[in-house]
């Protein structure tokens, strides 16, 4: 099973990441433009299936995740979340940046074999999320394994 967390940053401003993250992280971010041909085609396919994207999504989205930075077997979301939030510039207020049009959120990937369970949201994690005024979504995903190897 694997576990990781992703920081999502959305804005209409191309320089939004440099306002939020420490400089060494900015160039390492994954990036999408919601007005690119590929993203527009994807939105049309989703709409054809009855899934409609938020109409007010900011144009740009950046991603930073813990896949290569935190042990993928680490099940404590606090470890993942604290690593991501340690990449913020000192003194950055995500709540203030949100009021200025820069959206941020976290998504935790929980891979499992369908036998139950899920992440433990500790008081320490809840306090960290509140201090930074950021939401944490948790997604549960079924993964199959063959011979101790991830087949997904």
C-alpha atoms as a PDB file:
ATOM      1  CA  UNK A   1       0.000   0.000   0.000  1.00  0.00           C
ATOM      2  CA  UNK A   2       1.140   3.532  -0.535  1.00  0.00           C
ATOM      3  CA  UNK A   3       0.325   6.838   1.035  1.00  0.00           C
ATOM      4  CA  UNK A   4       1.158  10.368  -0.008  1.00  0.00           C
ATOM      5  CA  UNK A   5      -0.153  13.893   0.262  1.00  0.00           C
ATOM      6  CA  UNK A   6      -0.458  16.579  -2.410  1.00  0.00           C
ATOM      7  CA  UNK A   7      -0.541  20.354  -1.948  1.00  0.00           C
ATOM      8  CA  UNK A   8      -2.771  21.998  -4.583  1.00  0.00           C
ATOM      9  CA  UNK A   9      -2.315  25.671  -5.390  1.00  0.00           C
ATOM     10  CA  UNK A  10      -4.744  27.425  -7.757  1.00  0.00           C
ATOM     11  CA  UNK A  11      -4.625  30.986  -9.031  1.00  0.00           C
ATOM     12  CA  UNK A  12      -5.109  33.210 -12.053  1.00  0.00           C
ATOM     13  CA  UNK A  13      -1.676  34.689 -11.319  1.00  0.00           C
ATOM     14  CA  UNK A  14       1.346  32.943 -12.860  1.00  0.00           C
ATOM     15  CA  UNK A  15       3.580  34.131  -9.995  1.00  0.00           C
ATOM     16  CA  UNK A  16       1.376  32.699  -7.219  1.00  0.00           C
ATOM     17  CA  UNK A  17       3.843  29.923  -6.235  1.00  0.00           C
ATOM     18  CA  UNK A  18       6.621  32.447  -5.584  1.00  0.00           C
ATOM     19  CA  UNK A  19       4.319  34.225  -3.118  1.00  0.00           C
ATOM     20  CA  UNK A  20       3.662  31.007  -1.175  1.00  0.00           C
ATOM     21  CA  UNK A  21       6.592  28.611  -1.393  1.00  0.00           C
ATOM     22  CA  UNK A  22      10.279  28.843  -0.564  1.00  0.00           C
ATOM     23  CA  UNK A  23      12.356  29.437  -3.722  1.00  0.00           C
ATOM     24  CA  UNK A  24      13.839  25.938  -4.064  1.00  0.00           C
ATOM     25  CA  UNK A  25      10.330  24.448  -4.323  1.00  0.00           C
ATOM     26  CA  UNK A  26       8.910  26.773  -6.984  1.00  0.00           C
ATOM     27  CA  UNK A  27      10.820  25.210  -9.896  1.00  0.00           C
ATOM     28  CA  UNK A  28       9.967  21.667  -8.724  1.00  0.00           C
ATOM     29  CA  UNK A  29       6.186  22.145  -8.856  1.00  0.00           C
ATOM     30  CA  UNK A  30       4.058  20.254 -11.338  1.00  0.00           C
ATOM     31  CA  UNK A  31       1.867  22.655 -13.328  1.00  0.00           C
ATOM     32  CA  UNK A  32      -1.335  22.675 -15.391  1.00  0.00           C
ATOM     33  CA  UNK A  33      -3.113  25.423 -17.297  1.00  0.00           C
ATOM     34  CA  UNK A  34      -6.885  24.912 -17.232  1.00  0.00           C
ATOM     35  CA  UNK A  35      -7.099  26.703 -20.596  1.00  0.00           C
ATOM     36  CA  UNK A  36      -4.656  24.363 -22.335  1.00  0.00           C
ATOM     37  CA  UNK A  37      -6.028  22.261 -25.193  1.00  0.00           C
ATOM     38  CA  UNK A  38      -5.526  19.048 -23.188  1.00  0.00           C
ATOM     39  CA  UNK A  39      -7.349  20.359 -20.097  1.00  0.00           C
ATOM     40  CA  UNK A  40     -10.218  21.786 -22.172  1.00  0.00           C
ATOM     41  CA  UNK A  41     -10.614  18.456 -23.990  1.00  0.00           C
ATOM     42  CA  UNK A  42     -10.592  16.639 -20.641  1.00  0.00           C
ATOM     43  CA  UNK A  43     -13.291  18.976 -19.311  1.00  0.00           C
ATOM     44  CA  UNK A  44     -15.430  18.269 -22.404  1.00  0.00           C
ATOM     45  CA  UNK A  45     -15.077  14.492 -21.914  1.00  0.00           C
ATOM     46  CA  UNK A  46     -16.047  14.809 -18.262  1.00  0.00           C
ATOM     47  CA  UNK A  47     -19.005  17.019 -19.132  1.00  0.00           C
ATOM     48  CA  UNK A  48     -20.184  14.431 -21.684  1.00  0.00           C
ATOM     49  CA  UNK A  49     -20.253  11.896 -18.815  1.00  0.00           C
ATOM     50  CA  UNK A  50     -22.282  14.308 -16.687  1.00  0.00           C
ATOM     51  CA  UNK A  51     -19.380  15.482 -14.518  1.00  0.00           C
ATOM     52  CA  UNK A  52     -19.159  19.249 -14.559  1.00  0.00           C
ATOM     53  CA  UNK A  53     -16.065  21.072 -13.318  1.00  0.00           C
ATOM     54  CA  UNK A  54     -16.341  24.119 -11.138  1.00  0.00           C
ATOM     55  CA  UNK A  55     -16.928  27.046 -13.518  1.00  0.00           C
ATOM     56  CA  UNK A  56     -14.936  29.484 -11.400  1.00  0.00           C
ATOM     57  CA  UNK A  57     -11.721  27.456 -11.184  1.00  0.00           C
ATOM     58  CA  UNK A  58      -8.633  29.640 -11.388  1.00  0.00           C
ATOM     59  CA  UNK A  59      -6.694  29.273 -14.627  1.00  0.00           C
ATOM     60  CA  UNK A  60      -3.489  27.777 -13.218  1.00  0.00           C
ATOM     61  CA  UNK A  61      -2.884  24.885 -10.849  1.00  0.00           C
ATOM     62  CA  UNK A  62       0.366  23.717  -9.282  1.00  0.00           C
ATOM     63  CA  UNK A  63       1.023  20.471  -7.386  1.00  0.00           C
ATOM     64  CA  UNK A  64       3.613  19.436  -4.835  1.00  0.00           C
ATOM     65  CA  UNK A  65       3.461  15.973  -3.302  1.00  0.00           C
ATOM     66  CA  UNK A  66       5.311  13.792  -0.827  1.00  0.00           C
ATOM     67  CA  UNK A  67       5.768  10.738  -3.105  1.00  0.00           C
ATOM     68  CA  UNK A  68       9.545  11.116  -3.404  1.00  0.00           C
ATOM     69  CA  UNK A  69      10.082  12.902  -0.090  1.00  0.00           C
ATOM     70  CA  UNK A  70       8.293  10.848   2.584  1.00  0.00           C
ATOM     71  CA  UNK A  71       8.429   7.059   2.933  1.00  0.00           C
ATOM     72  CA  UNK A  72       5.418   5.734   0.935  1.00  0.00           C
ATOM     73  CA  UNK A  73       4.712   3.294   3.787  1.00  0.00           C
ATOM     74  CA  UNK A  74       4.333   6.184   6.279  1.00  0.00           C
ATOM     75  CA  UNK A  75       0.655   6.070   7.256  1.00  0.00           C
ATOM     76  CA  UNK A  76       0.636   9.106   9.555  1.00  0.00           C
ATOM     77  CA  UNK A  77      -0.791  12.012   7.546  1.00  0.00           C
ATOM     78  CA  UNK A  78       0.873  14.439   9.978  1.00  0.00           C
ATOM     79  CA  UNK A  79       4.304  13.478   8.609  1.00  0.00           C
ATOM     80  CA  UNK A  80       3.186  14.154   5.037  1.00  0.00           C
ATOM     81  CA  UNK A  81       1.271  17.354   5.803  1.00  0.00           C
ATOM     82  CA  UNK A  82       4.019  18.827   7.978  1.00  0.00           C
ATOM     83  CA  UNK A  83       6.606  18.165   5.242  1.00  0.00           C
ATOM     84  CA  UNK A  84       4.461  20.003   2.673  1.00  0.00           C
ATOM     85  CA  UNK A  85       3.699  22.919   4.973  1.00  0.00           C
ATOM     86  CA  UNK A  86       7.400  23.243   5.831  1.00  0.00           C
ATOM     87  CA  UNK A  87       7.869  24.348   2.199  1.00  0.00           C
ATOM     88  CA  UNK A  88       5.829  27.509   2.730  1.00  0.00           C
ATOM     89  CA  UNK A  89       7.634  30.822   3.021  1.00  0.00           C
ATOM     90  CA  UNK A  90       7.918  31.919   6.661  1.00  0.00           C
ATOM     91  CA  UNK A  91       5.008  34.136   7.662  1.00  0.00           C
ATOM     92  CA  UNK A  92       2.751  33.180   4.739  1.00  0.00           C
ATOM     93  CA  UNK A  93      -0.922  33.215   5.659  1.00  0.00           C
ATOM     94  CA  UNK A  94      -2.845  30.835   3.428  1.00  0.00           C
ATOM     95  CA  UNK A  95      -6.104  32.413   4.625  1.00  0.00           C
ATOM     96  CA  UNK A  96      -4.901  35.863   3.524  1.00  0.00           C
ATOM     97  CA  UNK A  97      -3.648  34.510   0.204  1.00  0.00           C
ATOM     98  CA  UNK A  98      -7.026  32.832  -0.303  1.00  0.00           C
ATOM     99  CA  UNK A  99      -8.730  36.192   0.172  1.00  0.00           C
ATOM    100  CA  UNK A 100      -6.351  37.519  -2.515  1.00  0.00           C
ATOM    101  CA  UNK A 101      -7.408  34.817  -4.998  1.00  0.00           C
ATOM    102  CA  UNK A 102      -4.777  32.137  -4.349  1.00  0.00           C
ATOM    103  CA  UNK A 103      -6.515  28.886  -3.359  1.00  0.00           C
ATOM    104  CA  UNK A 104      -4.749  26.059  -1.560  1.00  0.00           C
ATOM    105  CA  UNK A 105      -5.771  22.639  -0.325  1.00  0.00           C
ATOM    106  CA  UNK A 106      -4.303  19.265   0.574  1.00  0.00           C
ATOM    107  CA  UNK A 107      -5.252  15.821  -0.688  1.00  0.00           C
ATOM    108  CA  UNK A 108      -4.157  12.621   1.066  1.00  0.00           C
ATOM    109  CA  UNK A 109      -3.965   9.414  -1.001  1.00  0.00           C
ATOM    110  CA  UNK A 110      -4.746   6.313   1.045  1.00  0.00           C
ATOM    111  CA  UNK A 111      -4.048   3.112  -0.875  1.00  0.00           C
ATOM    112  CA  UNK A 112      -5.458  -0.087   0.532  1.00  0.00           C
ATOM    113  CA  UNK A 113      -6.654  -3.578  -0.231  1.00  0.00           C
ATOM    114  CA  UNK A 114     -10.275  -3.038   0.730  1.00  0.00           C
ATOM    115  CA  UNK A 115     -10.100  -4.527   4.211  1.00  0.00           C
ATOM    116  CA  UNK A 116     -10.945  -1.265   5.948  1.00  0.00           C
ATOM    117  CA  UNK A 117      -9.071   1.295   7.908  1.00  0.00           C
ATOM    118  CA  UNK A 118      -7.996   4.801   7.133  1.00  0.00           C
ATOM    119  CA  UNK A 119      -5.807   7.635   8.318  1.00  0.00           C
ATOM    120  CA  UNK A 120      -5.770   8.722  11.935  1.00  0.00           C
ATOM    121  CA  UNK A 121      -6.467  12.443  12.238  1.00  0.00           C
ATOM    122  CA  UNK A 122      -4.649  13.357  15.430  1.00  0.00           C
ATOM    123  CA  UNK A 123      -5.199  16.510  17.447  1.00  0.00           C
ATOM    124  CA  UNK A 124      -1.684  17.534  16.421  1.00  0.00           C
ATOM    125  CA  UNK A 125      -2.633  17.235  12.729  1.00  0.00           C
ATOM    126  CA  UNK A 126      -5.934  19.060  13.260  1.00  0.00           C
ATOM    127  CA  UNK A 127      -4.099  21.900  15.039  1.00  0.00           C
ATOM    128  CA  UNK A 128      -1.586  22.133  12.157  1.00  0.00           C
ATOM    129  CA  UNK A 129      -4.394  22.344   9.595  1.00  0.00           C
ATOM    130  CA  UNK A 130      -6.226  24.991  11.613  1.00  0.00           C
ATOM    131  CA  UNK A 131      -3.047  27.019  12.173  1.00  0.00           C
ATOM    132  CA  UNK A 132      -2.493  27.130   8.398  1.00  0.00           C
ATOM    133  CA  UNK A 133      -6.210  27.412   7.554  1.00  0.00           C
ATOM    134  CA  UNK A 134      -6.020  24.643   4.948  1.00  0.00           C
ATOM    135  CA  UNK A 135      -8.408  21.785   4.202  1.00  0.00           C
ATOM    136  CA  UNK A 136      -7.391  18.145   3.912  1.00  0.00           C
ATOM    137  CA  UNK A 137      -9.311  15.821   1.600  1.00  0.00           C
ATOM    138  CA  UNK A 138      -8.725  12.083   1.969  1.00  0.00           C
ATOM    139  CA  UNK A 139      -9.161   9.766  -1.006  1.00  0.00           C
ATOM    140  CA  UNK A 140      -9.372   6.002  -0.545  1.00  0.00           C
ATOM    141  CA  UNK A 141      -8.078   3.860  -3.399  1.00  0.00           C
ATOM    142  CA  UNK A 142      -8.100   0.125  -3.919  1.00  0.00           C
ATOM    143  CA  UNK A 143      -4.726  -1.321  -4.895  1.00  0.00           C
ATOM    144  CA  UNK A 144      -3.968  -4.890  -5.908  1.00  0.00           C
ATOM    145  CA  UNK A 145      -0.694  -6.565  -5.092  1.00  0.00           C
ATOM    146  CA  UNK A 146       1.004  -9.553  -6.641  1.00  0.00           C
ATOM    147  CA  UNK A 147       3.996 -11.166  -4.975  1.00  0.00           C
ATOM    148  CA  UNK A 148       4.502  -8.189  -2.637  1.00  0.00           C
ATOM    149  CA  UNK A 149       4.622  -5.843  -5.637  1.00  0.00           C
ATOM    150  CA  UNK A 150       2.193  -3.062  -6.339  1.00  0.00           C
ATOM    151  CA  UNK A 151       0.284  -4.036  -9.470  1.00  0.00           C
ATOM    152  CA  UNK A 152      -1.706  -0.779  -9.675  1.00  0.00           C
END
